[in-house]
Amino acid sequence: MELNFGRYKPALERQIQSWFWLNDYMRPWILSLDKLVEVQGADIVIDLVGFNELYTDRYFKGKVKDMAPKMIEQILIPNLGIFLKKIGYRGYSFGIVVRGRGELYKNTFNVKNPDWE
């Protein structure tokens, strides 16, 4: 099942931005939340241009494929389940794309909706 976030796009973008902003390790390096997160249909796009270059060079340069899954598992996956519950959406599968200076990480994830457990 493909999940299209079209009608929830503004709410989901702001929600994800807040999750990044509330992360004590990432907040000091965020330059632009609007550039960092964009929802495109069924894909959530995290563009590392929203971070200070020093941060992306230090932690992500040449390592997007290693670092992106950790960031997704720690910040996005747990919170998306709660978001799905709040909006009452029954879908659970969507893509997350992380872009960073010529590197791209894309994967499709299934998120457990807490109501289904």
PDB file of N, CA and C in Angstrom:
ATOM      1  N   MET A   1       0.842  -1.173   0.000  1.00  0.00           N
ATOM      2  CA  MET A   1       0.000   0.000   0.000  1.00  0.00           C
ATOM      3  C   MET A   1       0.887   1.236   0.000  1.00  0.00           C
ATOM      4  N   GLU A   2       0.636   2.139  -0.907  1.00  0.00           N
ATOM      5  CA  GLU A   2       1.409   3.368  -0.945  1.00  0.00           C
ATOM      6  C   GLU A   2       0.677   4.450  -0.171  1.00  0.00           C
ATOM      7  N   LEU A   3       1.400   5.160   0.635  1.00  0.00           N
ATOM      8  CA  LEU A   3       0.820   6.222   1.438  1.00  0.00           C
ATOM      9  C   LEU A   3       1.159   7.553   0.788  1.00  0.00           C
ATOM     10  N   ASN A   4       0.154   8.314   0.407  1.00  0.00           N
ATOM     11  CA  ASN A   4       0.366   9.636  -0.148  1.00  0.00           C
ATOM     12  C   ASN A   4      -0.005  10.647   0.916  1.00  0.00           C
ATOM     13  N   PHE A   5       0.979  11.410   1.342  1.00  0.00           N
ATOM     14  CA  PHE A   5       0.768  12.380   2.405  1.00  0.00           C
ATOM     15  C   PHE A   5       0.208  13.701   1.891  1.00  0.00           C
ATOM     16  N   GLY A   6      -0.238  13.759   0.633  1.00  0.00           N
ATOM     17  CA  GLY A   6      -0.672  14.997   0.010  1.00  0.00           C
ATOM     18  C   GLY A   6      -1.487  15.925   0.888  1.00  0.00           C
ATOM     19  N   ARG A   7      -2.557  15.417   1.466  1.00  0.00           N
ATOM     20  CA  ARG A   7      -3.389  16.338   2.244  1.00  0.00           C
ATOM     21  C   ARG A   7      -2.809  16.656   3.619  1.00  0.00           C
ATOM     22  N   TYR A   8      -1.815  15.900   4.053  1.00  0.00           N
ATOM     23  CA  TYR A   8      -1.182  16.154   5.348  1.00  0.00           C
ATOM     24  C   TYR A   8       0.183  16.823   5.208  1.00  0.00           C
ATOM     25  N   LYS A   9       0.553  17.186   3.982  1.00  0.00           N
ATOM     26  CA  LYS A   9       1.887  17.723   3.687  1.00  0.00           C
ATOM     27  C   LYS A   9       2.320  18.846   4.640  1.00  0.00           C
ATOM     28  N   PRO A  10       1.542  19.925   4.790  1.00  0.00           N
ATOM     29  CA  PRO A  10       2.014  21.001   5.680  1.00  0.00           C
ATOM     30  C   PRO A  10       2.186  20.541   7.127  1.00  0.00           C
ATOM     31  N   ALA A  11       1.241  19.759   7.622  1.00  0.00           N
ATOM     32  CA  ALA A  11       1.316  19.297   9.008  1.00  0.00           C
ATOM     33  C   ALA A  11       2.498  18.361   9.202  1.00  0.00           C
ATOM     34  N   LEU A  12       2.708  17.459   8.260  1.00  0.00           N
ATOM     35  CA  LEU A  12       3.802  16.499   8.388  1.00  0.00           C
ATOM     36  C   LEU A  12       5.154  17.193   8.288  1.00  0.00           C
ATOM     37  N   GLU A  13       5.284  18.142   7.374  1.00  0.00           N
ATOM     38  CA  GLU A  13       6.551  18.872   7.264  1.00  0.00           C
ATOM     39  C   GLU A  13       6.875  19.603   8.564  1.00  0.00           C
ATOM     40  N   ARG A  14       5.902  20.295   9.124  1.00  0.00           N
ATOM     41  CA  ARG A  14       6.143  21.026  10.383  1.00  0.00           C
ATOM     42  C   ARG A  14       6.450  20.054  11.523  1.00  0.00           C
ATOM     43  N   GLN A  15       5.769  18.927  11.524  1.00  0.00           N
ATOM     44  CA  GLN A  15       5.989  17.945  12.580  1.00  0.00           C
ATOM     45  C   GLN A  15       7.411  17.390  12.518  1.00  0.00           C
ATOM     46  N   ILE A  16       7.864  17.019  11.327  1.00  0.00           N
ATOM     47  CA  ILE A  16       9.224  16.488  11.177  1.00  0.00           C
ATOM     48  C   ILE A  16      10.260  17.564  11.513  1.00  0.00           C
ATOM     49  N   GLN A  17       9.999  18.792  11.078  1.00  0.00           N
ATOM     50  CA  GLN A  17      10.907  19.889  11.415  1.00  0.00           C
ATOM     51  C   GLN A  17      11.044  20.023  12.926  1.00  0.00           C
ATOM     52  N   SER A  18       9.938  19.887  13.629  1.00  0.00           N
ATOM     53  CA  SER A  18       9.993  20.015  15.090  1.00  0.00           C
ATOM     54  C   SER A  18      10.781  18.867  15.706  1.00  0.00           C
ATOM     55  N   TRP A  19      10.676  17.655  15.149  1.00  0.00           N
ATOM     56  CA  TRP A  19      11.452  16.533  15.681  1.00  0.00           C
ATOM     57  C   TRP A  19      12.941  16.782  15.542  1.00  0.00           C
ATOM     58  N   PHE A  20      13.349  17.349  14.398  1.00  0.00           N
ATOM     59  CA  PHE A  20      14.767  17.675  14.221  1.00  0.00           C
ATOM     60  C   PHE A  20      15.176  18.805  15.167  1.00  0.00           C
ATOM     61  N   TRP A  21      14.306  19.797  15.308  1.00  0.00           N
ATOM     62  CA  TRP A  21      14.621  20.944  16.161  1.00  0.00           C
ATOM     63  C   TRP A  21      14.749  20.513  17.623  1.00  0.00           C
ATOM     64  N   LEU A  22      13.961  19.532  18.034  1.00  0.00           N
ATOM     65  CA  LEU A  22      14.001  19.070  19.423  1.00  0.00           C
ATOM     66  C   LEU A  22      15.169  18.127  19.700  1.00  0.00           C
ATOM     67  N   ASN A  23      15.884  17.721  18.664  1.00  0.00           N
ATOM     68  CA  ASN A  23      17.042  16.856  18.853  1.00  0.00           C
ATOM     69  C   ASN A  23      18.239  17.721  19.271  1.00  0.00           C
ATOM     70  N   ASP A  24      18.681  17.542  20.494  1.00  0.00           N
ATOM     71  CA  ASP A  24      19.738  18.390  21.054  1.00  0.00           C
ATOM     72  C   ASP A  24      21.040  18.346  20.268  1.00  0.00           C
ATOM     73  N   TYR A  25      21.305  17.225  19.595  1.00  0.00           N
ATOM     74  CA  TYR A  25      22.558  17.094  18.846  1.00  0.00           C
ATOM     75  C   TYR A  25      22.496  17.807  17.499  1.00  0.00           C
ATOM     76  N   MET A  26      21.311  17.870  16.911  1.00  0.00           N
ATOM     77  CA  MET A  26      21.184  18.449  15.577  1.00  0.00           C
ATOM     78  C   MET A  26      20.813  19.927  15.583  1.00  0.00           C
ATOM     79  N   ARG A  27      20.071  20.353  16.594  1.00  0.00           N
ATOM     80  CA  ARG A  27      19.561  21.730  16.613  1.00  0.00           C
ATOM     81  C   ARG A  27      20.642  22.792  16.375  1.00  0.00           C
ATOM     82  N   PRO A  28      21.806  22.708  17.032  1.00  0.00           N
ATOM     83  CA  PRO A  28      22.796  23.776  16.829  1.00  0.00           C
ATOM     84  C   PRO A  28      23.288  23.889  15.380  1.00  0.00           C
ATOM     85  N   TRP A  29      23.116  22.840  14.595  1.00  0.00           N
ATOM     86  CA  TRP A  29      23.647  22.821  13.238  1.00  0.00           C
ATOM     87  C   TRP A  29      22.590  23.129  12.178  1.00  0.00           C
ATOM     88  N   ILE A  30      21.348  23.290  12.568  1.00  0.00           N
ATOM     89  CA  ILE A  30      20.272  23.526  11.597  1.00  0.00           C
ATOM     90  C   ILE A  30      20.304  24.976  11.137  1.00  0.00           C
ATOM     91  N   LEU A  31      20.414  25.160   9.831  1.00  0.00           N
ATOM     92  CA  LEU A  31      20.386  26.493   9.243  1.00  0.00           C
ATOM     93  C   LEU A  31      18.992  26.858   8.753  1.00  0.00           C
ATOM     94  N   SER A  32      18.290  25.887   8.169  1.00  0.00           N
ATOM     95  CA  SER A  32      16.969  26.142   7.606  1.00  0.00           C
ATOM     96  C   SER A  32      16.108  24.893   7.695  1.00  0.00           C
ATOM     97  N   LEU A  33      15.059  24.966   8.494  1.00  0.00           N
ATOM     98  CA  LEU A  33      14.142  23.837   8.602  1.00  0.00           C
ATOM     99  C   LEU A  33      13.375  23.636   7.305  1.00  0.00           C
ATOM    100  N   ASP A  34      13.059  24.742   6.611  1.00  0.00           N
ATOM    101  CA  ASP A  34      12.314  24.635   5.348  1.00  0.00           C
ATOM    102  C   ASP A  34      13.117  23.912   4.275  1.00  0.00           C
ATOM    103  N   LYS A  35      14.427  24.124   4.240  1.00  0.00           N
ATOM    104  CA  LYS A  35      15.269  23.431   3.261  1.00  0.00           C
ATOM    105  C   LYS A  35      15.537  21.982   3.679  1.00  0.00           C
ATOM    106  N   LEU A  36      15.440  21.716   4.974  1.00  0.00           N
ATOM    107  CA  LEU A  36      15.779  20.408   5.513  1.00  0.00           C
ATOM    108  C   LEU A  36      14.731  19.347   5.192  1.00  0.00           C
ATOM    109  N   VAL A  37      13.450  19.704   5.270  1.00  0.00           N
ATOM    110  CA  VAL A  37      12.363  18.724   5.157  1.00  0.00           C
ATOM    111  C   VAL A  37      11.367  19.131   4.079  1.00  0.00           C
ATOM    112  N   GLU A  38      11.033  18.166   3.213  1.00  0.00           N
ATOM    113  CA  GLU A  38       9.984  18.376   2.218  1.00  0.00           C
ATOM    114  C   GLU A  38       9.251  17.056   2.004  1.00  0.00           C
ATOM    115  N   VAL A  39       7.947  17.146   1.923  1.00  0.00           N
ATOM    116  CA  VAL A  39       7.134  15.965   1.657  1.00  0.00           C
ATOM    117  C   VAL A  39       6.699  16.024   0.201  1.00  0.00           C
ATOM    118  N   GLN A  40       6.990  14.965  -0.541  1.00  0.00           N
ATOM    119  CA  GLN A  40       6.643  14.883  -1.967  1.00  0.00           C
ATOM    120  C   GLN A  40       5.835  13.617  -2.181  1.00  0.00           C
ATOM    121  N   GLY A  41       4.519  13.738  -2.127  1.00  0.00           N
ATOM    122  CA  GLY A  41       3.651  12.579  -2.317  1.00  0.00           C
ATOM    123  C   GLY A  41       3.848  11.554  -1.233  1.00  0.00           C
ATOM    124  N   ALA A  42       4.397  10.396  -1.611  1.00  0.00           N
ATOM    125  CA  ALA A  42       4.629   9.318  -0.642  1.00  0.00           C
ATOM    126  C   ALA A  42       6.053   9.340  -0.094  1.00  0.00           C
ATOM    127  N   ASP A  43       6.851  10.327  -0.492  1.00  0.00           N
ATOM    128  CA  ASP A  43       8.239  10.404  -0.033  1.00  0.00           C
ATOM    129  C   ASP A  43       8.442  11.561   0.933  1.00  0.00           C
ATOM    130  N   ILE A  44       9.215  11.293   1.962  1.00  0.00           N
ATOM    131  CA  ILE A  44       9.680  12.327   2.875  1.00  0.00           C
ATOM    132  C   ILE A  44      11.132  12.565   2.504  1.00  0.00           C
ATOM    133  N   VAL A  45      11.456  13.789   2.106  1.00  0.00           N
ATOM    134  CA  VAL A  45      12.808  14.107   1.647  1.00  0.00           C
ATOM    135  C   VAL A  45      13.523  14.930   2.716  1.00  0.00           C
ATOM    136  N   ILE A  46      14.648  14.407   3.183  1.00  0.00           N
ATOM    137  CA  ILE A  46      15.509  15.115   4.123  1.00  0.00           C
ATOM    138  C   ILE A  46      16.721  15.568   3.311  1.00  0.00           C
ATOM    139  N   ASP A  47      16.843  16.876   3.118  1.00  0.00           N
ATOM    140  CA  ASP A  47      17.943  17.423   2.320  1.00  0.00           C
ATOM    141  C   ASP A  47      18.948  18.053   3.278  1.00  0.00           C
ATOM    142  N   LEU A  48      20.139  17.517   3.307  1.00  0.00           N
ATOM    143  CA  LEU A  48      21.142  17.943   4.278  1.00  0.00           C
ATOM    144  C   LEU A  48      21.644  19.366   4.051  1.00  0.00           C
ATOM    145  N   VAL A  49      21.197  20.048   2.986  1.00  0.00           N
ATOM    146  CA  VAL A  49      21.577  21.450   2.804  1.00  0.00           C
ATOM    147  C   VAL A  49      20.977  22.314   3.908  1.00  0.00           C
ATOM    148  N   GLY A  50      20.002  21.785   4.625  1.00  0.00           N
ATOM    149  CA  GLY A  50      19.421  22.522   5.749  1.00  0.00           C
ATOM    150  C   GLY A  50      20.337  22.589   6.954  1.00  0.00           C
ATOM    151  N   PHE A  51      21.424  21.804   6.931  1.00  0.00           N
ATOM    152  CA  PHE A  51      22.391  21.795   8.033  1.00  0.00           C
ATOM    153  C   PHE A  51      23.623  22.616   7.670  1.00  0.00           C
ATOM    154  N   ASN A  52      24.314  23.081   8.676  1.00  0.00           N
ATOM    155  CA  ASN A  52      25.595  23.750   8.509  1.00  0.00           C
ATOM    156  C   ASN A  52      26.561  22.794   7.814  1.00  0.00           C
ATOM    157  N   GLU A  53      27.345  23.310   6.884  1.00  0.00           N
ATOM    158  CA  GLU A  53      28.278  22.457   6.122  1.00  0.00           C
ATOM    159  C   GLU A  53      29.270  21.738   7.023  1.00  0.00           C
ATOM    160  N   LEU A  54      29.675  22.379   8.094  1.00  0.00           N
ATOM    161  CA  LEU A  54      30.617  21.752   9.016  1.00  0.00           C
ATOM    162  C   LEU A  54      30.017  20.476   9.602  1.00  0.00           C
ATOM    163  N   TYR A  55      28.719  20.523   9.942  1.00  0.00           N
ATOM    164  CA  TYR A  55      28.044  19.345  10.491  1.00  0.00           C
ATOM    165  C   TYR A  55      27.957  18.236   9.455  1.00  0.00           C
ATOM    166  N   THR A  56      27.553  18.601   8.238  1.00  0.00           N
ATOM    167  CA  THR A  56      27.406  17.564   7.210  1.00  0.00           C
ATOM    168  C   THR A  56      28.763  17.002   6.796  1.00  0.00           C
ATOM    169  N   ASP A  57      29.800  17.838   6.786  1.00  0.00           N
ATOM    170  CA  ASP A  57      31.138  17.333   6.473  1.00  0.00           C
ATOM    171  C   ASP A  57      31.630  16.411   7.582  1.00  0.00           C
ATOM    172  N   ARG A  58      31.365  16.780   8.803  1.00  0.00           N
ATOM    173  CA  ARG A  58      31.859  16.011   9.944  1.00  0.00           C
ATOM    174  C   ARG A  58      31.164  14.649  10.058  1.00  0.00           C
ATOM    175  N   TYR A  59      29.851  14.646   9.941  1.00  0.00           N
ATOM    176  CA  TYR A  59      29.106  13.417  10.215  1.00  0.00           C
ATOM    177  C   TYR A  59      28.593  12.682   8.977  1.00  0.00           C
ATOM    178  N   PHE A  60      28.378  13.412   7.883  1.00  0.00           N
ATOM    179  CA  PHE A  60      27.728  12.781   6.741  1.00  0.00           C
ATOM    180  C   PHE A  60      28.596  12.696   5.486  1.00  0.00           C
ATOM    181  N   LYS A  61      29.682  13.420   5.404  1.00  0.00           N
ATOM    182  CA  LYS A  61      30.473  13.432   4.172  1.00  0.00           C
ATOM    183  C   LYS A  61      30.990  12.036   3.853  1.00  0.00           C
ATOM    184  N   GLY A  62      30.519  11.510   2.727  1.00  0.00           N
ATOM    185  CA  GLY A  62      30.917  10.184   2.296  1.00  0.00           C
ATOM    186  C   GLY A  62      30.278   9.049   3.072  1.00  0.00           C
ATOM    187  N   LYS A  63      29.368   9.393   4.003  1.00  0.00           N
ATOM    188  CA  LYS A  63      28.784   8.373   4.857  1.00  0.00           C
ATOM    189  C   LYS A  63      27.258   8.424   4.898  1.00  0.00           C
ATOM    190  N   VAL A  64      26.632   9.041   3.910  1.00  0.00           N
ATOM    191  CA  VAL A  64      25.176   9.190   3.934  1.00  0.00           C
ATOM    192  C   VAL A  64      24.496   7.826   4.052  1.00  0.00           C
ATOM    193  N   LYS A  65      24.993   6.838   3.325  1.00  0.00           N
ATOM    194  CA  LYS A  65      24.360   5.511   3.356  1.00  0.00           C
ATOM    195  C   LYS A  65      24.521   4.816   4.708  1.00  0.00           C
ATOM    196  N   ASP A  66      25.516   5.214   5.477  1.00  0.00           N
ATOM    197  CA  ASP A  66      25.706   4.646   6.818  1.00  0.00           C
ATOM    198  C   ASP A  66      24.948   5.434   7.886  1.00  0.00           C
ATOM    199  N   MET A  67      24.950   6.760   7.753  1.00  0.00           N
ATOM    200  CA  MET A  67      24.375   7.620   8.786  1.00  0.00           C
ATOM    201  C   MET A  67      22.861   7.789   8.648  1.00  0.00           C
ATOM    202  N   ALA A  68      22.367   7.813   7.411  1.00  0.00           N
ATOM    203  CA  ALA A  68      20.936   8.059   7.189  1.00  0.00           C
ATOM    204  C   ALA A  68      20.042   7.038   7.891  1.00  0.00           C
ATOM    205  N   PRO A  69      20.319   5.736   7.802  1.00  0.00           N
ATOM    206  CA  PRO A  69      19.439   4.788   8.497  1.00  0.00           C
ATOM    207  C   PRO A  69      19.391   5.007  10.009  1.00  0.00           C
ATOM    208  N   LYS A  70      20.518   5.406  10.604  1.00  0.00           N
ATOM    209  CA  LYS A  70      20.537   5.670  12.045  1.00  0.00           C
ATOM    210  C   LYS A  70      19.652   6.860  12.386  1.00  0.00           C
ATOM    211  N   MET A  71      19.778   7.923  11.597  1.00  0.00           N
ATOM    212  CA  MET A  71      18.964   9.117  11.822  1.00  0.00           C
ATOM    213  C   MET A  71      17.480   8.793  11.655  1.00  0.00           C
ATOM    214  N   ILE A  72      17.150   8.018  10.642  1.00  0.00           N
ATOM    215  CA  ILE A  72      15.761   7.651  10.368  1.00  0.00           C
ATOM    216  C   ILE A  72      15.195   6.797  11.503  1.00  0.00           C
ATOM    217  N   GLU A  73      15.960   5.827  11.952  1.00  0.00           N
ATOM    218  CA  GLU A  73      15.484   4.933  13.009  1.00  0.00           C
ATOM    219  C   GLU A  73      15.336   5.638  14.345  1.00  0.00           C
ATOM    220  N   GLN A  74      16.186   6.612  14.622  1.00  0.00           N
ATOM    221  CA  GLN A  74      16.142   7.285  15.915  1.00  0.00           C
ATOM    222  C   GLN A  74      15.151   8.435  15.963  1.00  0.00           C
ATOM    223  N   ILE A  75      14.970   9.140  14.858  1.00  0.00           N
ATOM    224  CA  ILE A  75      14.115  10.336  14.880  1.00  0.00           C
ATOM    225  C   ILE A  75      12.780  10.113  14.186  1.00  0.00           C
ATOM    226  N   LEU A  76      12.799   9.580  12.975  1.00  0.00           N
ATOM    227  CA  LEU A  76      11.572   9.542  12.183  1.00  0.00           C
ATOM    228  C   LEU A  76      10.652   8.368  12.484  1.00  0.00           C
ATOM    229  N   ILE A  77      11.158   7.163  12.471  1.00  0.00           N
ATOM    230  CA  ILE A  77      10.304   5.974  12.581  1.00  0.00           C
ATOM    231  C   ILE A  77       9.428   5.983  13.841  1.00  0.00           C
ATOM    232  N   PRO A  78       9.999   6.200  15.033  1.00  0.00           N
ATOM    233  CA  PRO A  78       9.135   6.167  16.222  1.00  0.00           C
ATOM    234  C   PRO A  78       8.066   7.264  16.205  1.00  0.00           C
ATOM    235  N   ASN A  79       8.450   8.450  15.756  1.00  0.00           N
ATOM    236  CA  ASN A  79       7.523   9.577  15.763  1.00  0.00           C
ATOM    237  C   ASN A  79       6.462   9.480  14.672  1.00  0.00           C
ATOM    238  N   LEU A  80       6.803   8.880  13.533  1.00  0.00           N
ATOM    239  CA  LEU A  80       5.820   8.751  12.457  1.00  0.00           C
ATOM    240  C   LEU A  80       4.662   7.842  12.866  1.00  0.00           C
ATOM    241  N   GLY A  81       4.950   6.812  13.648  1.00  0.00           N
ATOM    242  CA  GLY A  81       3.876   5.948  14.134  1.00  0.00           C
ATOM    243  C   GLY A  81       2.861   6.733  14.941  1.00  0.00           C
ATOM    244  N   ILE A  82       3.351   7.611  15.793  1.00  0.00           N
ATOM    245  CA  ILE A  82       2.469   8.448  16.611  1.00  0.00           C
ATOM    246  C   ILE A  82       1.699   9.425  15.726  1.00  0.00           C
ATOM    247  N   PHE A  83       2.376   9.996  14.717  1.00  0.00           N
ATOM    248  CA  PHE A  83       1.717  10.921  13.791  1.00  0.00           C
ATOM    249  C   PHE A  83       0.570  10.226  13.058  1.00  0.00           C
ATOM    250  N   LEU A  84       0.824   9.012  12.568  1.00  0.00           N
ATOM    251  CA  LEU A  84      -0.222   8.263  11.865  1.00  0.00           C
ATOM    252  C   LEU A  84      -1.429   8.026  12.766  1.00  0.00           C
ATOM    253  N   LYS A  85      -1.163   7.754  14.003  1.00  0.00           N
ATOM    254  CA  LYS A  85      -2.257   7.533  14.955  1.00  0.00           C
ATOM    255  C   LYS A  85      -3.069   8.815  15.135  1.00  0.00           C
ATOM    256  N   LYS A  86      -2.384   9.933  15.271  1.00  0.00           N
ATOM    257  CA  LYS A  86      -3.055  11.212  15.500  1.00  0.00           C
ATOM    258  C   LYS A  86      -3.957  11.617  14.337  1.00  0.00           C
ATOM    259  N   ILE A  87      -3.492  11.372  13.105  1.00  0.00           N
ATOM    260  CA  ILE A  87      -4.306  11.787  11.954  1.00  0.00           C
ATOM    261  C   ILE A  87      -5.312  10.721  11.550  1.00  0.00           C
ATOM    262  N   GLY A  88      -5.221   9.551  12.174  1.00  0.00           N
ATOM    263  CA  GLY A  88      -6.180   8.484  11.880  1.00  0.00           C
ATOM    264  C   GLY A  88      -5.957   7.821  10.535  1.00  0.00           C
ATOM    265  N   TYR A  89      -4.727   7.875  10.022  1.00  0.00           N
ATOM    266  CA  TYR A  89      -4.433   7.295   8.713  1.00  0.00           C
ATOM    267  C   TYR A  89      -4.130   5.813   8.848  1.00  0.00           C
ATOM    268  N   ARG A  90      -4.653   5.005   7.956  1.00  0.00           N
ATOM    269  CA  ARG A  90      -4.488   3.549   8.031  1.00  0.00           C
ATOM    270  C   ARG A  90      -3.285   3.040   7.239  1.00  0.00           C
ATOM    271  N   GLY A  91      -2.702   3.860   6.396  1.00  0.00           N
ATOM    272  CA  GLY A  91      -1.546   3.423   5.610  1.00  0.00           C
ATOM    273  C   GLY A  91      -0.302   3.346   6.475  1.00  0.00           C
ATOM    274  N   TYR A  92       0.707   2.683   5.974  1.00  0.00           N
ATOM    275  CA  TYR A  92       1.903   2.540   6.787  1.00  0.00           C
ATOM    276  C   TYR A  92       3.201   2.500   5.994  1.00  0.00           C
ATOM    277  N   SER A  93       3.165   2.503   4.677  1.00  0.00           N
ATOM    278  CA  SER A  93       4.377   2.346   3.882  1.00  0.00           C
ATOM    279  C   SER A  93       4.671   3.633   3.112  1.00  0.00           C
ATOM    280  N   PHE A  94       5.912   4.081   3.154  1.00  0.00           N
ATOM    281  CA  PHE A  94       6.296   5.301   2.456  1.00  0.00           C
ATOM    282  C   PHE A  94       7.803   5.314   2.289  1.00  0.00           C
ATOM    283  N   GLY A  95       8.287   6.232   1.458  1.00  0.00           N
ATOM    284  CA  GLY A  95       9.724   6.329   1.217  1.00  0.00           C
ATOM    285  C   GLY A  95      10.342   7.468   1.996  1.00  0.00           C
ATOM    286  N   ILE A  96      11.574   7.282   2.397  1.00  0.00           N
ATOM    287  CA  ILE A  96      12.350   8.359   2.996  1.00  0.00           C
ATOM    288  C   ILE A  96      13.610   8.504   2.163  1.00  0.00           C
ATOM    289  N   VAL A  97      13.851   9.723   1.722  1.00  0.00           N
ATOM    290  CA  VAL A  97      15.010  10.029   0.886  1.00  0.00           C
ATOM    291  C   VAL A  97      15.892  10.996   1.668  1.00  0.00           C
ATOM    292  N   VAL A  98      17.180  10.687   1.765  1.00  0.00           N
ATOM    293  CA  VAL A  98      18.140  11.598   2.380  1.00  0.00           C
ATOM    294  C   VAL A  98      19.129  11.995   1.301  1.00  0.00           C
ATOM    295  N   ARG A  99      19.221  13.314   1.059  1.00  0.00           N
ATOM    296  CA  ARG A  99      20.133  13.839   0.045  1.00  0.00           C
ATOM    297  C   ARG A  99      21.246  14.612   0.712  1.00  0.00           C
ATOM    298  N   GLY A 100      22.437  14.407   0.206  1.00  0.00           N
ATOM    299  CA  GLY A 100      23.572  15.162   0.723  1.00  0.00           C
ATOM    300  C   GLY A 100      24.690  15.214  -0.276  1.00  0.00           C
ATOM    301  N   ARG A 101      25.028  16.362  -0.743  1.00  0.00           N
ATOM    302  CA  ARG A 101      26.165  16.619  -1.636  1.00  0.00           C
ATOM    303  C   ARG A 101      26.535  15.485  -2.572  1.00  0.00           C
ATOM    304  N   GLY A 102      25.693  15.213  -3.501  1.00  0.00           N
ATOM    305  CA  GLY A 102      25.985  14.194  -4.498  1.00  0.00           C
ATOM    306  C   GLY A 102      25.681  12.780  -4.049  1.00  0.00           C
ATOM    307  N   GLU A 103      25.375  12.605  -2.798  1.00  0.00           N
ATOM    308  CA  GLU A 103      25.028  11.283  -2.281  1.00  0.00           C
ATOM    309  C   GLU A 103      23.527  11.219  -2.050  1.00  0.00           C
ATOM    310  N   LEU A 104      22.984  10.046  -2.240  1.00  0.00           N
ATOM    311  CA  LEU A 104      21.549   9.870  -2.078  1.00  0.00           C
ATOM    312  C   LEU A 104      21.288   8.551  -1.373  1.00  0.00           C
ATOM    313  N   TYR A 105      20.407   8.594  -0.416  1.00  0.00           N
ATOM    314  CA  TYR A 105      19.972   7.378   0.257  1.00  0.00           C
ATOM    315  C   TYR A 105      18.460   7.343   0.152  1.00  0.00           C
ATOM    316  N   LYS A 106      17.920   6.247  -0.362  1.00  0.00           N
ATOM    317  CA  LYS A 106      16.476   6.126  -0.478  1.00  0.00           C
ATOM    318  C   LYS A 106      16.064   4.733  -0.044  1.00  0.00           C
ATOM    319  N   ASN A 107      15.017   4.693   0.750  1.00  0.00           N
ATOM    320  CA  ASN A 107      14.517   3.419   1.218  1.00  0.00           C
ATOM    321  C   ASN A 107      13.025   3.544   1.477  1.00  0.00           C
ATOM    322  N   THR A 108      12.324   2.440   1.406  1.00  0.00           N
ATOM    323  CA  THR A 108      10.905   2.410   1.746  1.00  0.00           C
ATOM    324  C   THR A 108      10.773   1.746   3.097  1.00  0.00           C
ATOM    325  N   PHE A 109      10.003   2.379   3.952  1.00  0.00           N
ATOM    326  CA  PHE A 109       9.855   1.900   5.318  1.00  0.00           C
ATOM    327  C   PHE A 109       8.401   1.580   5.625  1.00  0.00           C
ATOM    328  N   ASN A 110       8.211   0.636   6.490  1.00  0.00           N
ATOM    329  CA  ASN A 110       6.900   0.346   7.052  1.00  0.00           C
ATOM    330  C   ASN A 110       6.927   0.826   8.492  1.00  0.00           C
ATOM    331  N   VAL A 111       5.960   1.632   8.841  1.00  0.00           N
ATOM    332  CA  VAL A 111       5.878   2.158  10.193  1.00  0.00           C
ATOM    333  C   VAL A 111       4.682   1.534  10.871  1.00  0.00           C
ATOM    334  N   LYS A 112       4.883   1.047  12.078  1.00  0.00           N
ATOM    335  CA  LYS A 112       3.773   0.456  12.824  1.00  0.00           C
ATOM    336  C   LYS A 112       2.922   1.560  13.418  1.00  0.00           C
ATOM    337  N   ASN A 113       1.657   1.503  13.140  1.00  0.00           N
ATOM    338  CA  ASN A 113       0.705   2.416  13.745  1.00  0.00           C
ATOM    339  C   ASN A 113       0.378   1.840  15.121  1.00  0.00           C
ATOM    340  N   PRO A 114       0.571   2.622  16.191  1.00  0.00           N
ATOM    341  CA  PRO A 114       0.329   2.083  17.534  1.00  0.00           C
ATOM    342  C   PRO A 114      -1.073   1.528  17.743  1.00  0.00           C
ATOM    343  N   ASP A 115      -2.043   1.955  16.961  1.00  0.00           N
ATOM    344  CA  ASP A 115      -3.416   1.470  17.099  1.00  0.00           C
ATOM    345  C   ASP A 115      -3.542   0.012  16.644  1.00  0.00           C
ATOM    346  N   TRP A 116      -2.608  -0.457  15.823  1.00  0.00           N
ATOM    347  CA  TRP A 116      -2.712  -1.800  15.247  1.00  0.00           C
ATOM    348  C   TRP A 116      -2.146  -2.871  16.157  1.00  0.00           C
ATOM    349  N   GLU A 117      -1.458  -2.460  17.208  1.00  0.00           N
ATOM    350  CA  GLU A 117      -0.801  -3.432  18.085  1.00  0.00           C
ATOM    351  C   GLU A 117      -1.741  -3.906  19.175  1.00  0.00           C
TER     352      GLU A 117
END
